[in-house]
Amino acid sequence: MLLWLIFVVPAVGCFGAIWALTNLWIRRKLFTEGPPSMYWSVSVVLVLAPYFLGLGFA
């Protein structure tokens, strides 16, 4: 269980930090230029990225 936590907690934490920073940056850029559909597309890809990475490494 401890070994599982050593790998999962940092991975989820890094994903969350990258997701939040990218989400803030994209939102700020798209409120001034571009269609909002691009914002949602990037957000969906970032949310699903850990799932697909997990499938790739499994």
C-alpha atoms as a PDB file:
ATOM      1  CA  MET A   1       0.000   0.000   0.000  1.00  0.00           C
ATOM      2  CA  LEU A   2       2.800   2.433   0.865  1.00  0.00           C
ATOM      3  CA  LEU A   3       4.584   1.770  -2.424  1.00  0.00           C
ATOM      4  CA  TRP A   4       1.325   2.474  -4.255  1.00  0.00           C
ATOM      5  CA  LEU A   5       0.985   5.811  -2.449  1.00  0.00           C
ATOM      6  CA  ILE A   6       4.577   6.740  -3.252  1.00  0.00           C
ATOM      7  CA  PHE A   7       3.807   6.579  -6.979  1.00  0.00           C
ATOM      8  CA  VAL A   8       0.168   7.641  -7.175  1.00  0.00           C
ATOM      9  CA  VAL A   9       0.135  10.702  -4.908  1.00  0.00           C
ATOM     10  CA  PRO A  10       2.973  12.541  -6.743  1.00  0.00           C
ATOM     11  CA  ALA A  11       1.543  11.593 -10.147  1.00  0.00           C
ATOM     12  CA  VAL A  12      -1.935  12.877  -9.272  1.00  0.00           C
ATOM     13  CA  GLY A  13      -0.458  15.969  -7.616  1.00  0.00           C
ATOM     14  CA  CYS A  14       1.667  16.805 -10.666  1.00  0.00           C
ATOM     15  CA  PHE A  15      -1.278  16.230 -12.976  1.00  0.00           C
ATOM     16  CA  GLY A  16      -3.463  18.487 -10.837  1.00  0.00           C
ATOM     17  CA  ALA A  17      -0.865  21.255 -10.803  1.00  0.00           C
ATOM     18  CA  ILE A  18      -0.280  21.059 -14.562  1.00  0.00           C
ATOM     19  CA  TRP A  19      -4.028  20.950 -15.205  1.00  0.00           C
ATOM     20  CA  ALA A  20      -4.731  23.970 -13.003  1.00  0.00           C
ATOM     21  CA  LEU A  21      -1.919  26.098 -14.434  1.00  0.00           C
ATOM     22  CA  THR A  22      -2.761  25.225 -18.039  1.00  0.00           C
ATOM     23  CA  ASN A  23      -6.458  25.779 -17.396  1.00  0.00           C
ATOM     24  CA  LEU A  24      -5.815  29.248 -15.976  1.00  0.00           C
ATOM     25  CA  TRP A  25      -3.475  30.161 -18.832  1.00  0.00           C
ATOM     26  CA  ILE A  26      -5.846  28.924 -21.564  1.00  0.00           C
ATOM     27  CA  ARG A  27      -8.857  30.618 -19.966  1.00  0.00           C
ATOM     28  CA  ARG A  28      -7.049  33.935 -19.757  1.00  0.00           C
ATOM     29  CA  LYS A  29      -5.916  33.713 -23.399  1.00  0.00           C
ATOM     30  CA  LEU A  30      -9.289  32.662 -24.776  1.00  0.00           C
ATOM     31  CA  PHE A  31     -11.342  35.298 -23.031  1.00  0.00           C
ATOM     32  CA  THR A  32      -9.603  37.868 -25.218  1.00  0.00           C
ATOM     33  CA  GLU A  33      -9.168  35.850 -28.412  1.00  0.00           C
ATOM     34  CA  GLY A  34     -10.383  32.647 -30.023  1.00  0.00           C
ATOM     35  CA  PRO A  35     -13.528  30.565 -29.687  1.00  0.00           C
ATOM     36  CA  PRO A  36     -14.466  29.016 -26.328  1.00  0.00           C
ATOM     37  CA  SER A  37     -14.653  25.553 -27.933  1.00  0.00           C
ATOM     38  CA  MET A  38     -10.849  25.401 -27.919  1.00  0.00           C
ATOM     39  CA  TYR A  39     -10.842  25.985 -24.161  1.00  0.00           C
ATOM     40  CA  TRP A  40     -13.202  23.080 -23.569  1.00  0.00           C
ATOM     41  CA  SER A  41     -11.290  20.773 -25.918  1.00  0.00           C
ATOM     42  CA  VAL A  42      -8.012  21.385 -24.096  1.00  0.00           C
ATOM     43  CA  SER A  43      -9.708  20.943 -20.718  1.00  0.00           C
ATOM     44  CA  VAL A  44     -11.230  17.585 -21.707  1.00  0.00           C
ATOM     45  CA  VAL A  45      -7.902  16.333 -23.075  1.00  0.00           C
ATOM     46  CA  LEU A  46      -6.097  17.322 -19.884  1.00  0.00           C
ATOM     47  CA  VAL A  47      -8.680  15.635 -17.687  1.00  0.00           C
ATOM     48  CA  LEU A  48      -8.543  12.384 -19.673  1.00  0.00           C
ATOM     49  CA  ALA A  49      -4.732  12.322 -20.071  1.00  0.00           C
ATOM     50  CA  PRO A  50      -3.980  10.327 -16.881  1.00  0.00           C
ATOM     51  CA  TYR A  51      -6.501   7.663 -17.894  1.00  0.00           C
ATOM     52  CA  PHE A  52      -4.922   7.167 -21.300  1.00  0.00           C
ATOM     53  CA  LEU A  53      -1.410   7.250 -19.846  1.00  0.00           C
ATOM     54  CA  GLY A  54      -2.463   4.590 -17.364  1.00  0.00           C
ATOM     55  CA  LEU A  55      -3.810   2.427 -20.173  1.00  0.00           C
ATOM     56  CA  GLY A  56      -0.575   2.879 -22.097  1.00  0.00           C
ATOM     57  CA  PHE A  57       1.640   1.799 -19.200  1.00  0.00           C
ATOM     58  CA  ALA A  58      -0.604  -1.048 -18.033  1.00  0.00           C
END
